[in-house]
Amino acid sequence: MATVNVKIKKLNAEAKLPVYGSEQAAGADLYALTDHDIRIGPNETAIVHTGLAAEIPEGYVGLIYARSGLATKKGLAPANKVGVIDSDYRGEIRVALHNDSKYEQCVEPYDRVAQLVIAPYVTACFEEAEELDETCRGAGGFGSTGSK
């Protein structure tokens, strides 16, 4: 398994560093930094602070994903579905947590609220073209390859 060093700065002494839940976990848990319960009503979004900033190496991106248990049991997941932390961003990592459930949900101090995946990426060089190569699929989208 490849590793990459990512510097993490605590913006608040009480912040908790990301932690992997198991040896093979792809995502490291991010923890809520709050001194009070955060109540999120149905179909509402709250910004949850982590108190952390990161120096993600060039050529990598930080991706913030939902924690599966939080999403399935409480309906809480990132509002933008996948958050993107670019390698040149040095501000606080915050999670826009959206409540998709019918009930008010509560985030308590140090709750695990999302997971952070560090992944390599490539930068595309976009070039305008008059024509694109043909494929069997063509322009079919949104279910065009079948439902089963």
N, C-alpha and C. Protein backbone atom coordinates (compact mmCIF):
# COMPACT_ATOMS: atom_id res chain seq x y z
N MET A 1 0.84 -1.17 0.00
CA MET A 1 0.00 0.00 0.00
C MET A 1 0.90 1.24 0.00
N ALA A 2 0.64 2.16 -0.90
CA ALA A 2 1.42 3.38 -0.99
C ALA A 2 0.98 4.37 0.09
N THR A 3 1.92 5.16 0.57
CA THR A 3 1.60 6.20 1.53
C THR A 3 2.17 7.52 1.04
N VAL A 4 1.57 8.60 1.51
CA VAL A 4 2.05 9.94 1.21
C VAL A 4 1.97 10.75 2.50
N ASN A 5 2.95 11.59 2.74
CA ASN A 5 2.95 12.42 3.94
C ASN A 5 2.05 13.63 3.72
N VAL A 6 1.15 13.86 4.66
CA VAL A 6 0.27 15.02 4.63
C VAL A 6 0.43 15.76 5.95
N LYS A 7 0.89 17.00 5.88
CA LYS A 7 1.03 17.81 7.10
C LYS A 7 -0.35 18.29 7.53
N ILE A 8 -0.63 18.14 8.83
CA ILE A 8 -1.89 18.62 9.41
C ILE A 8 -1.55 19.64 10.48
N LYS A 9 -2.21 20.78 10.42
CA LYS A 9 -2.01 21.83 11.42
C LYS A 9 -3.27 21.94 12.26
N LYS A 10 -3.10 21.86 13.58
CA LYS A 10 -4.22 22.10 14.48
C LYS A 10 -4.42 23.61 14.60
N LEU A 11 -5.59 24.08 14.19
CA LEU A 11 -5.92 25.49 14.32
C LEU A 11 -6.47 25.78 15.71
N ASN A 12 -6.78 24.72 16.42
CA ASN A 12 -7.28 24.78 17.78
C ASN A 12 -6.64 23.61 18.52
N ALA A 13 -6.12 23.86 19.71
CA ALA A 13 -5.44 22.81 20.47
C ALA A 13 -6.34 21.62 20.77
N GLU A 14 -7.65 21.82 20.78
CA GLU A 14 -8.60 20.76 21.10
C GLU A 14 -8.95 19.89 19.89
N ALA A 15 -8.50 20.28 18.71
CA ALA A 15 -8.83 19.53 17.49
C ALA A 15 -8.21 18.15 17.54
N LYS A 16 -8.88 17.20 16.89
CA LYS A 16 -8.40 15.81 16.85
C LYS A 16 -7.93 15.50 15.44
N LEU A 17 -6.73 14.93 15.32
CA LEU A 17 -6.19 14.56 14.01
C LEU A 17 -7.04 13.47 13.37
N PRO A 18 -7.07 13.40 12.04
CA PRO A 18 -7.80 12.31 11.36
C PRO A 18 -7.23 10.96 11.78
N VAL A 19 -8.11 9.96 11.89
CA VAL A 19 -7.71 8.63 12.32
C VAL A 19 -8.33 7.60 11.39
N TYR A 20 -7.51 6.63 10.94
CA TYR A 20 -8.03 5.52 10.15
C TYR A 20 -8.66 4.49 11.10
N GLY A 21 -9.84 4.01 10.75
CA GLY A 21 -10.57 3.06 11.59
C GLY A 21 -10.03 1.65 11.54
N SER A 22 -9.28 1.32 10.48
CA SER A 22 -8.68 -0.01 10.37
C SER A 22 -7.43 0.10 9.50
N GLU A 23 -6.65 -0.97 9.50
CA GLU A 23 -5.39 -0.97 8.77
C GLU A 23 -5.58 -0.76 7.26
N GLN A 24 -6.67 -1.26 6.71
CA GLN A 24 -6.91 -1.16 5.27
C GLN A 24 -7.91 -0.07 4.88
N ALA A 25 -8.30 0.77 5.83
CA ALA A 25 -9.28 1.83 5.54
C ALA A 25 -8.72 2.83 4.54
N ALA A 26 -9.52 3.22 3.59
CA ALA A 26 -9.12 4.24 2.61
C ALA A 26 -9.34 5.64 3.15
N GLY A 27 -10.35 5.80 4.00
CA GLY A 27 -10.69 7.11 4.54
C GLY A 27 -10.35 7.22 6.01
N ALA A 28 -9.84 8.38 6.40
CA ALA A 28 -9.56 8.68 7.81
C ALA A 28 -10.70 9.52 8.36
N ASP A 29 -11.16 9.17 9.55
CA ASP A 29 -12.29 9.88 10.15
C ASP A 29 -11.91 11.31 10.52
N LEU A 30 -12.85 12.21 10.24
CA LEU A 30 -12.75 13.61 10.66
C LEU A 30 -13.70 13.82 11.82
N TYR A 31 -13.26 14.58 12.82
CA TYR A 31 -14.01 14.76 14.06
C TYR A 31 -14.54 16.18 14.20
N ALA A 32 -15.74 16.28 14.72
CA ALA A 32 -16.37 17.58 14.96
C ALA A 32 -15.64 18.30 16.08
N LEU A 33 -15.30 19.55 15.86
CA LEU A 33 -14.72 20.39 16.91
C LEU A 33 -15.77 21.43 17.28
N THR A 34 -16.44 21.18 18.37
CA THR A 34 -17.50 22.08 18.83
C THR A 34 -17.57 21.98 20.35
N ASP A 35 -17.98 23.05 20.99
CA ASP A 35 -18.12 23.02 22.45
C ASP A 35 -19.58 22.82 22.86
N HIS A 36 -20.44 22.56 21.87
CA HIS A 36 -21.86 22.33 22.15
C HIS A 36 -22.42 21.37 21.09
N ASP A 37 -23.57 20.80 21.39
CA ASP A 37 -24.24 19.96 20.40
C ASP A 37 -24.68 20.81 19.22
N ILE A 38 -24.53 20.27 18.03
CA ILE A 38 -25.00 20.94 16.81
C ILE A 38 -26.27 20.22 16.39
N ARG A 39 -27.37 20.92 16.41
CA ARG A 39 -28.65 20.34 16.02
C ARG A 39 -28.93 20.70 14.56
N ILE A 40 -29.21 19.66 13.76
CA ILE A 40 -29.46 19.86 12.34
C ILE A 40 -30.87 19.36 12.05
N GLY A 41 -31.75 20.27 11.66
CA GLY A 41 -33.13 19.92 11.37
C GLY A 41 -33.26 19.17 10.06
N PRO A 42 -34.43 18.57 9.83
CA PRO A 42 -34.67 17.87 8.57
C PRO A 42 -34.42 18.80 7.37
N ASN A 43 -33.71 18.28 6.39
CA ASN A 43 -33.39 19.04 5.17
C ASN A 43 -32.60 20.31 5.42
N GLU A 44 -31.89 20.37 6.53
CA GLU A 44 -31.03 21.51 6.82
C GLU A 44 -29.57 21.09 6.73
N THR A 45 -28.70 22.08 6.58
CA THR A 45 -27.26 21.86 6.50
C THR A 45 -26.57 22.69 7.57
N ALA A 46 -25.59 22.13 8.23
CA ALA A 46 -24.79 22.85 9.21
C ALA A 46 -23.31 22.70 8.84
N ILE A 47 -22.57 23.76 9.05
CA ILE A 47 -21.13 23.70 8.84
C ILE A 47 -20.49 23.20 10.13
N VAL A 48 -19.78 22.08 10.02
CA VAL A 48 -19.13 21.48 11.18
C VAL A 48 -17.62 21.72 11.07
N HIS A 49 -17.07 22.34 12.08
CA HIS A 49 -15.64 22.64 12.10
C HIS A 49 -14.85 21.41 12.55
N THR A 50 -13.64 21.28 12.00
CA THR A 50 -12.72 20.24 12.47
C THR A 50 -11.55 20.84 13.23
N GLY A 51 -11.30 22.14 13.04
CA GLY A 51 -10.16 22.78 13.68
C GLY A 51 -8.83 22.39 13.07
N LEU A 52 -8.87 21.85 11.87
CA LEU A 52 -7.66 21.38 11.19
C LEU A 52 -7.46 22.06 9.84
N ALA A 53 -6.22 22.23 9.46
CA ALA A 53 -5.85 22.64 8.10
C ALA A 53 -4.83 21.61 7.62
N ALA A 54 -4.73 21.45 6.30
CA ALA A 54 -3.84 20.43 5.75
C ALA A 54 -2.97 21.00 4.64
N GLU A 55 -1.79 20.40 4.50
CA GLU A 55 -0.92 20.68 3.36
C GLU A 55 -0.88 19.41 2.52
N ILE A 56 -1.81 19.35 1.59
CA ILE A 56 -1.91 18.18 0.72
C ILE A 56 -0.89 18.34 -0.41
N PRO A 57 -0.08 17.34 -0.64
CA PRO A 57 0.97 17.48 -1.65
C PRO A 57 0.40 17.75 -3.05
N GLU A 58 1.17 18.47 -3.85
CA GLU A 58 0.80 18.72 -5.24
C GLU A 58 0.62 17.39 -5.95
N GLY A 59 -0.42 17.29 -6.77
CA GLY A 59 -0.72 16.05 -7.47
C GLY A 59 -1.69 15.16 -6.71
N TYR A 60 -2.09 15.61 -5.52
CA TYR A 60 -3.05 14.88 -4.69
C TYR A 60 -4.21 15.81 -4.34
N VAL A 61 -5.31 15.21 -3.95
CA VAL A 61 -6.49 15.94 -3.54
C VAL A 61 -7.05 15.28 -2.30
N GLY A 62 -7.63 16.06 -1.42
CA GLY A 62 -8.35 15.52 -0.27
C GLY A 62 -9.82 15.44 -0.63
N LEU A 63 -10.42 14.28 -0.49
CA LEU A 63 -11.83 14.09 -0.80
C LEU A 63 -12.57 13.78 0.49
N ILE A 64 -13.62 14.54 0.77
CA ILE A 64 -14.40 14.34 1.98
C ILE A 64 -15.67 13.60 1.61
N TYR A 65 -15.79 12.40 2.16
CA TYR A 65 -16.93 11.51 1.90
C TYR A 65 -17.76 11.32 3.17
N ALA A 66 -18.98 10.85 2.98
CA ALA A 66 -19.84 10.51 4.10
C ALA A 66 -19.28 9.31 4.85
N ARG A 67 -19.56 9.24 6.12
CA ARG A 67 -19.34 8.01 6.89
C ARG A 67 -20.59 7.18 6.69
N SER A 68 -20.42 5.94 6.28
CA SER A 68 -21.58 5.13 5.90
C SER A 68 -22.57 4.95 7.06
N GLY A 69 -22.08 4.73 8.26
CA GLY A 69 -22.98 4.55 9.40
C GLY A 69 -23.78 5.80 9.70
N LEU A 70 -23.14 6.96 9.66
CA LEU A 70 -23.82 8.23 9.93
C LEU A 70 -24.87 8.51 8.86
N ALA A 71 -24.53 8.20 7.62
CA ALA A 71 -25.46 8.46 6.51
C ALA A 71 -26.66 7.53 6.56
N THR A 72 -26.43 6.25 6.84
CA THR A 72 -27.54 5.28 6.80
C THR A 72 -28.37 5.29 8.07
N LYS A 73 -27.76 5.56 9.21
CA LYS A 73 -28.50 5.52 10.47
C LYS A 73 -29.13 6.86 10.85
N LYS A 74 -28.47 7.98 10.47
CA LYS A 74 -28.98 9.29 10.86
C LYS A 74 -29.33 10.18 9.67
N GLY A 75 -28.97 9.77 8.46
CA GLY A 75 -29.25 10.60 7.29
C GLY A 75 -28.32 11.79 7.15
N LEU A 76 -27.16 11.76 7.82
CA LEU A 76 -26.21 12.87 7.77
C LEU A 76 -25.07 12.56 6.82
N ALA A 77 -24.87 13.44 5.83
CA ALA A 77 -23.81 13.27 4.84
C ALA A 77 -23.42 14.65 4.31
N PRO A 78 -22.22 14.76 3.74
CA PRO A 78 -21.82 16.06 3.17
C PRO A 78 -22.86 16.58 2.17
N ALA A 79 -23.19 17.85 2.30
CA ALA A 79 -24.21 18.46 1.44
C ALA A 79 -23.81 18.43 -0.03
N ASN A 80 -22.53 18.58 -0.32
CA ASN A 80 -22.06 18.58 -1.70
C ASN A 80 -21.67 17.18 -2.16
N LYS A 81 -22.04 16.17 -1.38
CA LYS A 81 -21.82 14.74 -1.65
C LYS A 81 -20.36 14.34 -1.54
N VAL A 82 -19.46 15.04 -2.21
CA VAL A 82 -18.03 14.82 -2.05
C VAL A 82 -17.36 16.19 -1.98
N GLY A 83 -16.73 16.46 -0.85
CA GLY A 83 -15.99 17.72 -0.71
C GLY A 83 -14.62 17.56 -1.33
N VAL A 84 -14.10 18.64 -1.90
CA VAL A 84 -12.79 18.62 -2.55
C VAL A 84 -11.87 19.61 -1.85
N ILE A 85 -10.73 19.11 -1.39
CA ILE A 85 -9.71 19.97 -0.79
C ILE A 85 -8.53 19.97 -1.76
N ASP A 86 -8.33 21.08 -2.43
CA ASP A 86 -7.23 21.21 -3.39
C ASP A 86 -5.90 21.34 -2.65
N SER A 87 -4.82 20.98 -3.33
CA SER A 87 -3.50 20.99 -2.69
C SER A 87 -3.01 22.39 -2.34
N ASP A 88 -3.61 23.43 -2.92
CA ASP A 88 -3.18 24.79 -2.59
C ASP A 88 -4.07 25.45 -1.53
N TYR A 89 -5.04 24.73 -0.98
CA TYR A 89 -5.91 25.27 0.06
C TYR A 89 -5.26 25.09 1.42
N ARG A 90 -5.24 26.13 2.22
CA ARG A 90 -4.64 26.07 3.54
C ARG A 90 -5.60 26.48 4.66
N GLY A 91 -6.87 26.67 4.33
CA GLY A 91 -7.85 27.05 5.34
C GLY A 91 -8.34 25.85 6.13
N GLU A 92 -9.26 26.12 7.05
CA GLU A 92 -9.81 25.06 7.89
C GLU A 92 -10.62 24.07 7.07
N ILE A 93 -10.46 22.81 7.40
CA ILE A 93 -11.29 21.76 6.80
C ILE A 93 -12.62 21.79 7.57
N ARG A 94 -13.68 22.07 6.85
CA ARG A 94 -15.01 22.10 7.44
C ARG A 94 -15.89 21.16 6.63
N VAL A 95 -16.90 20.62 7.28
CA VAL A 95 -17.81 19.69 6.62
C VAL A 95 -19.20 20.30 6.62
N ALA A 96 -19.77 20.50 5.42
CA ALA A 96 -21.16 20.95 5.30
C ALA A 96 -22.03 19.71 5.43
N LEU A 97 -22.53 19.46 6.63
CA LEU A 97 -23.27 18.23 6.92
C LEU A 97 -24.76 18.47 6.73
N HIS A 98 -25.36 17.68 5.84
CA HIS A 98 -26.78 17.83 5.50
C HIS A 98 -27.58 16.70 6.12
N ASN A 99 -28.76 17.04 6.63
CA ASN A 99 -29.66 16.06 7.24
C ASN A 99 -30.74 15.70 6.23
N ASP A 100 -30.65 14.50 5.67
CA ASP A 100 -31.64 14.00 4.72
C ASP A 100 -32.77 13.25 5.40
N SER A 101 -32.76 13.18 6.72
CA SER A 101 -33.80 12.43 7.43
C SER A 101 -35.02 13.31 7.72
N LYS A 102 -36.05 12.69 8.27
CA LYS A 102 -37.27 13.42 8.65
C LYS A 102 -37.19 13.97 10.07
N TYR A 103 -36.08 13.71 10.75
CA TYR A 103 -35.96 14.06 12.17
C TYR A 103 -34.73 14.93 12.41
N GLU A 104 -34.82 15.77 13.44
CA GLU A 104 -33.66 16.54 13.84
C GLU A 104 -32.56 15.58 14.29
N GLN A 105 -31.34 15.86 13.88
CA GLN A 105 -30.19 15.04 14.28
C GLN A 105 -29.22 15.91 15.05
N CYS A 106 -28.40 15.26 15.86
CA CYS A 106 -27.48 15.98 16.72
C CYS A 106 -26.06 15.50 16.48
N VAL A 107 -25.15 16.45 16.34
CA VAL A 107 -23.72 16.16 16.27
C VAL A 107 -23.12 16.65 17.58
N GLU A 108 -22.48 15.73 18.29
CA GLU A 108 -21.89 16.07 19.58
C GLU A 108 -20.39 16.33 19.40
N PRO A 109 -19.79 17.01 20.39
CA PRO A 109 -18.34 17.25 20.30
C PRO A 109 -17.58 15.95 20.07
N TYR A 110 -16.65 15.99 19.14
CA TYR A 110 -15.77 14.89 18.76
C TYR A 110 -16.47 13.71 18.08
N ASP A 111 -17.71 13.91 17.64
CA ASP A 111 -18.34 12.89 16.80
C ASP A 111 -17.55 12.78 15.49
N ARG A 112 -17.49 11.58 14.95
CA ARG A 112 -16.90 11.38 13.62
C ARG A 112 -17.96 11.82 12.60
N VAL A 113 -17.64 12.81 11.78
CA VAL A 113 -18.65 13.41 10.90
C VAL A 113 -18.44 13.15 9.42
N ALA A 114 -17.27 12.71 9.02
CA ALA A 114 -16.97 12.45 7.61
C ALA A 114 -15.65 11.69 7.56
N GLN A 115 -15.28 11.28 6.34
CA GLN A 115 -13.98 10.65 6.18
C GLN A 115 -13.21 11.34 5.07
N LEU A 116 -11.91 11.42 5.28
CA LEU A 116 -11.01 12.09 4.35
C LEU A 116 -10.18 11.06 3.61
N VAL A 117 -10.26 11.09 2.28
CA VAL A 117 -9.47 10.22 1.42
C VAL A 117 -8.48 11.09 0.66
N ILE A 118 -7.22 10.72 0.69
CA ILE A 118 -6.18 11.42 -0.08
C ILE A 118 -5.95 10.60 -1.35
N ALA A 119 -6.09 11.24 -2.50
CA ALA A 119 -6.00 10.51 -3.77
C ALA A 119 -5.20 11.31 -4.80
N PRO A 120 -4.45 10.60 -5.66
CA PRO A 120 -3.77 11.30 -6.75
C PRO A 120 -4.77 11.69 -7.84
N TYR A 121 -4.41 12.68 -8.61
CA TYR A 121 -5.25 13.09 -9.73
C TYR A 121 -4.37 13.54 -10.89
N VAL A 122 -4.96 13.63 -12.05
CA VAL A 122 -4.26 14.18 -13.21
C VAL A 122 -4.97 15.46 -13.62
N THR A 123 -4.21 16.38 -14.17
CA THR A 123 -4.78 17.61 -14.69
C THR A 123 -4.96 17.45 -16.19
N ALA A 124 -6.16 17.69 -16.67
CA ALA A 124 -6.44 17.55 -18.10
C ALA A 124 -5.99 18.78 -18.86
N CYS A 125 -5.59 18.57 -20.08
CA CYS A 125 -5.30 19.65 -21.00
C CYS A 125 -6.45 19.64 -22.00
N PHE A 126 -7.42 20.53 -21.82
CA PHE A 126 -8.61 20.53 -22.65
C PHE A 126 -8.32 21.17 -24.00
N GLU A 127 -8.69 20.47 -25.05
CA GLU A 127 -8.51 21.03 -26.38
C GLU A 127 -9.83 20.92 -27.15
N GLU A 128 -10.19 22.01 -27.75
CA GLU A 128 -11.44 22.03 -28.53
C GLU A 128 -11.29 21.15 -29.76
N ALA A 129 -12.36 20.42 -30.08
CA ALA A 129 -12.33 19.53 -31.25
C ALA A 129 -13.64 19.67 -32.03
N GLU A 130 -13.55 19.54 -33.33
CA GLU A 130 -14.74 19.57 -34.18
C GLU A 130 -15.50 18.26 -34.13
N GLU A 131 -14.77 17.15 -33.96
CA GLU A 131 -15.37 15.82 -33.94
C GLU A 131 -14.76 15.01 -32.80
N LEU A 132 -15.52 14.02 -32.32
CA LEU A 132 -15.04 13.08 -31.31
C LEU A 132 -15.08 11.68 -31.90
N ASP A 133 -14.19 10.81 -31.46
CA ASP A 133 -14.19 9.43 -31.92
C ASP A 133 -15.53 8.77 -31.60
N GLU A 134 -16.02 7.94 -32.50
CA GLU A 134 -17.27 7.22 -32.31
C GLU A 134 -17.06 6.05 -31.35
N THR A 135 -18.10 5.72 -30.58
CA THR A 135 -18.09 4.53 -29.71
C THR A 135 -19.42 3.82 -29.88
N CYS A 136 -19.51 2.58 -29.39
CA CYS A 136 -20.78 1.84 -29.44
C CYS A 136 -21.85 2.55 -28.63
N ARG A 137 -21.49 3.12 -27.52
CA ARG A 137 -22.46 3.78 -26.65
C ARG A 137 -22.93 5.10 -27.25
N GLY A 138 -22.03 5.83 -27.85
CA GLY A 138 -22.39 7.12 -28.43
C GLY A 138 -22.78 8.13 -27.37
N ALA A 139 -23.89 8.83 -27.60
CA ALA A 139 -24.33 9.89 -26.70
C ALA A 139 -25.32 9.38 -25.65
N GLY A 140 -25.53 8.07 -25.57
CA GLY A 140 -26.49 7.54 -24.60
C GLY A 140 -26.03 7.79 -23.17
N GLY A 141 -26.91 8.28 -22.35
CA GLY A 141 -26.59 8.55 -20.95
C GLY A 141 -27.80 8.34 -20.07
N PHE A 142 -27.66 8.53 -18.79
CA PHE A 142 -28.76 8.44 -17.82
C PHE A 142 -29.57 7.16 -18.00
N GLY A 143 -28.91 6.03 -17.81
CA GLY A 143 -29.61 4.75 -17.87
C GLY A 143 -29.59 4.08 -19.23
N SER A 144 -28.86 4.63 -20.17
CA SER A 144 -28.90 4.08 -21.53
C SER A 144 -28.24 2.71 -21.63
N THR A 145 -27.43 2.33 -20.63
CA THR A 145 -26.78 1.01 -20.71
C THR A 145 -27.60 -0.07 -20.01
N GLY A 146 -28.81 0.27 -19.56
CA GLY A 146 -29.69 -0.72 -18.93
C GLY A 146 -29.82 -0.52 -17.44
N SER A 147 -30.84 -1.18 -16.89
CA SER A 147 -31.10 -1.02 -15.46
C SER A 147 -30.65 -2.23 -14.64
N LYS A 148 -30.27 -3.31 -15.31
CA LYS A 148 -29.83 -4.51 -14.58
C LYS A 148 -28.57 -5.06 -15.17
